[in-house]
């Protein structure tokens, strides 16, 4: 827990500072992206800019949750590789590759950027749909939570796959066969990580969960 909490603590402080800064300047940012509303009546102008501010803040939180896991796992690569090794040993699972810290950092950062970019392809349309009455307050938050959970699960299982010489595409293909298991890992982790400082405890536990999920997925692959 202590080893896994160190990189999570560092990333939490960095991203929390970014969220506070965004909250402080959100009004100015909303005005900057809605110049067309400058000449509107005060009521309509404030309503539109409030909605835009909420959308920007929600989008930043989504990116923050996904970016948090990618950054934490990249920065804490040697810590999480050590945890993965210990958990895998307890399960009797042997690694077929032993990547260096530099490679783990590069792979984690590279795949993290790819996953965040892909998640935005889903998150941005969903955030826009959030302005639709009823639909935006019921279905959209559920879909957004599921999308976030899926991409976070792909991050959490990364190190065990790296230790077996398997890339992002391979772990995506295998997790799609066990999508409910992946969502079961990513959903509570993503929701809890949205709570300030909770991620310090959640990330080490979620990462161990990712190792266990990866072990089960790889074991089922080996037996089919």
Protein backbone atom coordinates (compact mmCIF):
# COMPACT_ATOMS: atom_id res chain seq x y z
CA UNK A 1 0.00 0.00 0.00
CA UNK A 2 2.79 2.44 0.94
CA UNK A 3 4.82 1.70 -2.20
CA UNK A 4 1.79 2.10 -4.44
CA UNK A 5 0.61 5.26 -2.67
CA UNK A 6 3.77 7.29 -3.32
CA UNK A 7 3.31 7.90 -7.07
CA UNK A 8 -0.45 8.27 -6.55
CA UNK A 9 0.17 10.99 -3.94
CA UNK A 10 2.47 12.93 -6.27
CA UNK A 11 0.06 12.73 -9.20
CA UNK A 12 -2.90 13.64 -6.97
CA UNK A 13 -1.20 16.82 -5.79
CA UNK A 14 -0.29 17.83 -9.35
CA UNK A 15 -3.75 17.21 -10.79
CA UNK A 16 -5.53 18.69 -7.79
CA UNK A 17 -3.57 21.88 -8.31
CA UNK A 18 -4.64 21.87 -11.97
CA UNK A 19 -8.31 21.35 -11.02
CA UNK A 20 -8.19 24.21 -8.48
CA UNK A 21 -6.64 26.47 -11.10
CA UNK A 22 -9.31 25.48 -13.61
CA UNK A 23 -12.06 26.17 -11.08
CA UNK A 24 -10.57 29.59 -10.32
CA UNK A 25 -10.42 30.64 -13.97
CA UNK A 26 -13.46 28.73 -15.26
CA UNK A 27 -15.55 31.90 -15.68
CA UNK A 28 -12.86 33.57 -17.78
CA UNK A 29 -12.40 30.40 -19.82
CA UNK A 30 -16.16 30.08 -20.43
CA UNK A 31 -16.28 33.69 -21.62
CA UNK A 32 -13.27 33.08 -23.86
CA UNK A 33 -14.90 30.17 -25.72
CA UNK A 34 -18.32 31.87 -26.03
CA UNK A 35 -17.59 35.27 -27.60
CA UNK A 36 -20.82 34.94 -29.61
CA UNK A 37 -22.80 35.47 -26.38
CA UNK A 38 -21.26 38.87 -25.57
CA UNK A 39 -24.19 40.78 -27.00
CA UNK A 40 -26.94 38.56 -25.53
CA UNK A 41 -29.23 39.48 -22.68
CA UNK A 42 -27.53 39.00 -19.31
CA UNK A 43 -29.74 36.06 -18.29
CA UNK A 44 -29.15 34.04 -21.47
CA UNK A 45 -25.45 34.92 -21.55
CA UNK A 46 -24.89 33.76 -17.97
CA UNK A 47 -26.92 30.59 -18.51
CA UNK A 48 -24.96 29.59 -21.62
CA UNK A 49 -21.62 30.34 -20.02
CA UNK A 50 -22.57 28.44 -16.87
CA UNK A 51 -23.49 25.39 -18.98
CA UNK A 52 -20.24 25.68 -20.96
CA UNK A 53 -18.29 25.99 -17.72
CA UNK A 54 -19.91 22.84 -16.34
CA UNK A 55 -19.13 20.97 -19.57
CA UNK A 56 -15.50 22.13 -19.56
CA UNK A 57 -15.06 21.20 -15.92
CA UNK A 58 -16.70 17.79 -16.43
CA UNK A 59 -14.52 17.15 -19.47
CA UNK A 60 -11.43 18.10 -17.49
CA UNK A 61 -12.43 15.66 -14.75
CA UNK A 62 -12.84 12.85 -17.28
CA UNK A 63 -9.43 13.59 -18.79
CA UNK A 64 -8.03 13.94 -15.29
CA UNK A 65 -9.25 10.51 -14.19
CA UNK A 66 -7.80 8.84 -17.28
CA UNK A 67 -4.71 10.99 -17.30
CA UNK A 68 -4.25 10.34 -13.60
CA UNK A 69 -3.93 6.60 -14.06
CA UNK A 70 -1.64 6.95 -17.08
CA UNK A 71 0.62 9.46 -15.36
CA UNK A 72 0.65 7.58 -12.05
CA UNK A 73 1.48 4.25 -13.67
CA UNK A 74 4.16 5.84 -15.85
CA UNK A 75 5.85 7.75 -13.02
CA UNK A 76 5.47 4.86 -10.60
CA UNK A 77 6.54 2.19 -13.09
CA UNK A 78 9.26 0.63 -10.88
CA UNK A 79 6.93 0.64 -7.86
CA UNK A 80 4.04 -0.97 -9.72
CA UNK A 81 6.30 -3.43 -11.50
CA UNK A 82 7.50 -4.55 -8.06
CA UNK A 83 3.90 -4.90 -6.85
CA UNK A 84 2.94 -6.81 -10.00
CA UNK A 85 5.85 -9.18 -9.48
CA UNK A 86 4.86 -9.86 -5.87
CA UNK A 87 1.21 -10.46 -6.71
CA UNK A 88 2.09 -12.60 -9.74
CA UNK A 89 4.46 -14.70 -7.61
CA UNK A 90 1.69 -15.31 -5.11
CA UNK A 91 -0.48 -16.54 -7.98
CA UNK A 92 2.26 -18.71 -9.44
CA UNK A 93 2.37 -16.68 -12.66
CA UNK A 94 5.74 -16.19 -14.33
CA UNK A 95 6.62 -13.21 -16.51
CA UNK A 96 7.98 -13.94 -19.97
CA UNK A 97 9.59 -10.49 -20.25
CA UNK A 98 11.36 -8.20 -17.77
CA UNK A 99 11.19 -4.69 -19.26
CA UNK A 100 13.42 -2.00 -17.78
CA UNK A 101 12.02 0.99 -15.92
CA UNK A 102 12.72 3.18 -18.95
CA UNK A 103 10.70 0.92 -21.24
CA UNK A 104 7.85 0.65 -18.75
CA UNK A 105 7.78 4.44 -18.44
CA UNK A 106 7.78 4.94 -22.22
CA UNK A 107 5.17 2.24 -22.90
CA UNK A 108 2.93 3.50 -20.12
CA UNK A 109 3.18 7.11 -21.25
CA UNK A 110 2.68 6.22 -24.92
CA UNK A 111 -0.33 3.98 -24.30
CA UNK A 112 -1.74 6.44 -21.77
CA UNK A 113 -1.76 9.23 -24.34
CA UNK A 114 -3.39 6.92 -26.89
CA UNK A 115 -6.09 5.83 -24.43
CA UNK A 116 -6.85 9.38 -23.29
CA UNK A 117 -7.16 10.49 -26.93
CA UNK A 118 -9.50 7.60 -27.71
CA UNK A 119 -11.57 8.26 -24.62
CA UNK A 120 -12.10 11.85 -25.75
CA UNK A 121 -13.66 10.57 -28.97
CA UNK A 122 -16.42 9.15 -26.77
CA UNK A 123 -16.41 11.69 -23.94
CA UNK A 124 -16.78 14.86 -26.04
CA UNK A 125 -19.99 13.73 -27.85
CA UNK A 126 -21.39 12.49 -24.52
CA UNK A 127 -20.64 15.81 -22.86
CA UNK A 128 -22.45 17.60 -25.69
CA UNK A 129 -25.40 15.25 -25.27
CA UNK A 130 -25.40 16.26 -21.61
CA UNK A 131 -27.15 19.47 -22.65
CA UNK A 132 -30.16 17.51 -23.91
CA UNK A 133 -32.96 17.66 -21.29
CA UNK A 134 -33.65 14.41 -19.40
CA UNK A 135 -31.24 12.38 -21.58
CA UNK A 136 -28.32 14.49 -20.40
CA UNK A 137 -29.18 13.95 -16.76
CA UNK A 138 -29.94 10.21 -16.90
CA UNK A 139 -28.43 8.14 -19.72
CA UNK A 140 -25.38 10.29 -20.49
CA UNK A 141 -23.78 10.15 -17.00
CA UNK A 142 -24.13 6.35 -17.01
CA UNK A 143 -22.52 6.02 -20.45
CA UNK A 144 -19.77 8.43 -19.48
CA UNK A 145 -19.03 6.42 -16.35
CA UNK A 146 -18.87 3.18 -18.36
CA UNK A 147 -16.53 4.70 -20.96
CA UNK A 148 -14.26 6.02 -18.24
CA UNK A 149 -14.31 2.65 -16.48
CA UNK A 150 -13.35 0.77 -19.64
CA UNK A 151 -10.33 2.92 -20.44
CA UNK A 152 -9.19 2.97 -16.82
CA UNK A 153 -9.35 -0.83 -16.72
CA UNK A 154 -7.08 -0.95 -19.77
CA UNK A 155 -4.58 1.17 -17.84
CA UNK A 156 -4.76 -0.89 -14.66
CA UNK A 157 -3.97 -4.19 -16.38
CA UNK A 158 -1.12 -2.75 -18.45
CA UNK A 159 1.92 -3.77 -16.39
CA UNK A 160 1.06 -7.51 -16.18
CA UNK A 161 0.63 -7.52 -19.97
CA UNK A 162 3.90 -5.64 -20.47
CA UNK A 163 5.64 -8.27 -18.35
CA UNK A 164 4.42 -10.86 -20.82
CA UNK A 165 5.55 -8.90 -23.87
CA UNK A 166 1.97 -7.99 -24.88
CA UNK A 167 0.99 -4.59 -26.24
CA UNK A 168 -2.11 -2.37 -26.01
CA UNK A 169 -3.92 -4.00 -28.92
CA UNK A 170 -3.53 -7.47 -27.42
CA UNK A 171 -4.85 -6.48 -24.02
CA UNK A 172 -7.78 -4.66 -25.63
CA UNK A 173 -8.69 -7.78 -27.60
CA UNK A 174 -8.51 -10.00 -24.52
CA UNK A 175 -10.43 -7.63 -22.25
CA UNK A 176 -13.22 -7.29 -24.80
CA UNK A 177 -13.92 -10.98 -24.24
CA UNK A 178 -14.34 -10.23 -20.52
CA UNK A 179 -15.87 -6.77 -20.77
CA UNK A 180 -18.03 -7.12 -17.65
CA UNK A 181 -14.97 -8.11 -15.61
CA UNK A 182 -13.08 -5.08 -16.95
CA UNK A 183 -15.96 -2.73 -16.13
CA UNK A 184 -16.20 -4.28 -12.68
CA UNK A 185 -12.58 -3.30 -12.15
CA UNK A 186 -12.65 0.16 -13.71
CA UNK A 187 -16.02 1.52 -12.58
CA UNK A 188 -15.53 1.66 -8.80
CA UNK A 189 -11.91 2.71 -9.28
CA UNK A 190 -12.81 5.61 -11.59
CA UNK A 191 -15.65 6.83 -9.36
CA UNK A 192 -13.50 6.70 -6.23
CA UNK A 193 -10.56 8.39 -7.97
CA UNK A 194 -12.81 11.37 -8.63
CA UNK A 195 -12.83 12.02 -4.86
CA UNK A 196 -9.89 14.26 -3.90
CA UNK A 197 -7.09 12.31 -2.21
CA UNK A 198 -9.06 9.04 -2.26
CA UNK A 199 -6.94 7.94 -5.22
CA UNK A 200 -3.92 7.67 -2.92
CA UNK A 201 -5.55 4.59 -1.38
CA UNK A 202 -7.62 3.53 -4.38
CA UNK A 203 -4.78 3.29 -6.92
CA UNK A 204 -2.64 0.68 -5.12
CA UNK A 205 -5.72 -1.45 -4.49
CA UNK A 206 -7.03 -0.95 -8.03
CA UNK A 207 -3.64 -1.85 -9.47
CA UNK A 208 -3.57 -5.12 -7.52
CA UNK A 209 -7.08 -5.70 -8.84
CA UNK A 210 -5.71 -5.08 -12.34
CA UNK A 211 -3.03 -7.72 -11.81
CA UNK A 212 -5.67 -10.21 -10.66
CA UNK A 213 -7.94 -9.40 -13.61
CA UNK A 214 -5.02 -9.70 -16.04
CA UNK A 215 -4.08 -13.06 -14.50
CA UNK A 216 -7.63 -14.38 -14.90
CA UNK A 217 -7.94 -13.09 -18.47
CA UNK A 218 -4.58 -14.52 -19.51
CA UNK A 219 -5.34 -17.82 -17.76
CA UNK A 220 -8.68 -18.16 -19.57
CA UNK A 221 -6.88 -17.37 -22.85
CA UNK A 222 -4.33 -20.10 -22.19
CA UNK A 223 -7.04 -22.69 -21.55
CA UNK A 224 -9.10 -21.89 -24.67
